[in-house]
Amino acid sequence: SLRPLGILNQFKGIGNEQNDSEAMYKILILYWSQVRKVFPEEWGLTPQKSRLMHSAGVRSMGVLMDHIMMRIESLPNPEQELFESLKKIRPYCRWTSGTWEGLGWKWNEVQSIPSHINKLSEYLCRIERELRLSKK
């Protein structure tokens, strides 16, 4: 995101500098292409059928983008690292059915309100971090 601690903010121009929109574009394409690859069944459905495509899902996954990309962007193979991180959280995601464990929400109860977006974002980031640290 373009928030002060977001991955895209580092490419924002300061003062008279131009934004590095090419670098922003590359980050977005890298991230969202891997999301699509890891969640092919959930990708491209209407928001009523997939909360991944709902504004709450997009915004929560955007927070996860900042969380993961800040860590991996300088690694030798960020694409593979990103794919592995997303693949690990896949079993914990309930974009089209089931109940979000730890949140107690049915998949279609996730709404585009700040409390839901914040809780879902925190959940995704926490799960990603726990899974990453447990491998060591």
Foldseek 3Di string as FASTA:
>chain_A
DCPPLFPLVVQPDDDPDHRPVVVVVVLVCLQVVLVCVLPVVQPPDPCQQFVCNPPLNVLLVRLVSRLLCVPQVPPPCSSVVSNVLSNQCVVQDQGGADARPPVRHTNNVQDPDVVSSVVSSVVSSVSSVVVVVVVD
